[in-house]
Amino acid sequence: MSSHIFTLLYRFVFVAILTIALIILDHRTRYFDWTRSVLSNVNTPFNGMLTAPVRMGTFFQDYWPNQKLRQRVEVLEVENQWLLAKVQKYDALEVEKNRLLVLFSASQARGVANFKLARIIRTDLQGPYDQRIVIDHGSRDDVKLSQPVIDVNGIIGQISKIAYNHSVVTVLTDASHATPVEVLRNGLRAIARGTGESRVLQIPFLSFQADIEEGDVLVTSGLGEVYPARYPVAEISSIQRIAGEPFLTIEARPYAEIDKIKNILLLDQPLLERRETVPDDLEIIESSEDKEAVPTGEAPIQIAPQVTSESQ
């Protein structure tokens, strides 16, 4: 019995000494790295099998609450995007409302009783022969040829083509367009001619002695029977006196920012028809030599209608 105990004791001591030796050897050398790696790879499946029940329970415990939470988050994200889009729309509507209020206020301040508000649906400002915009009003809205178009800052142009549901506005910067203007400071009359550039007008045919300066404000003169008088058109931006040229080289910057606006006003003032009027106190006296009109105080005469080609 005692010999068996001594044998077990010797084995225990031997194993303990061997274990301590292996620990010291492993700590001081790298001889057992490969062995440790192999044993770790062999042990991995067993570790997975042992921890599988725990991981499975944790998965099912966290899945259902997280799934509901994720669904709720997705719903909230969609609602958030929708609300952000709605807020942006309201912001745009607020800006548009303020712009329209300014437009209406400007028209009332200038004494415009009748006007139509129209929206720009297309712009074509890329070339000298295409300085035009298209608006959403046409013949169905009683738009007339040569009807003036303005915005809050000043003159934009006039109606040049009309369709049923839209119209084309020739902008005052179009190369074929000329606007009768006058200098607000002194009443000097001139012509503002388009250059094909959306922010440049030319003022031709003014001599070196013309009383005009940089910064002068140009307004419509009322001549030409298209634009009403005293509407802002442009501001003189540069004046050059080139030797050998008979006239000044003058450029002006339009007040209307055509490349930025979205809404315009159609003034209810179409092209006026020329009418010959005779004062009530004139009488036509005919003679063989000439015809003259003198005041008589008698009743007005009746002028016969002109003969047309159809009546002939």
Foldseek 3Di string as FASTA:
>chain_A
DVVVVVVVVVVVVVVVVVVVVVVVCVVVDVPCVVVVVVVVVVCVVVVCVVCVVVVVVVCVVPPPVVVVVVVVVVVVVVVVVVVVVVVVVVVVVVVVVVQVVLFVVLCVVVPFDDKDKWWWDDADLDWLQGRKTKTQQFVCNVFDFLFWKAGSFWGFAGWHAGDHGMTMGRGQQRQVHKAWKAFPVPRHIFIWGHDSHQFKTWTDDAAPPDPDDFQTWIWGCCPPQRDHTDTTFWTWHDWDDDPPDGHITTMTTGRDPVVPDTMMMGGPRHRDDDDDDDDQQWDWDDDPPGIDIDGDNDGRDDDDDDDDPVND
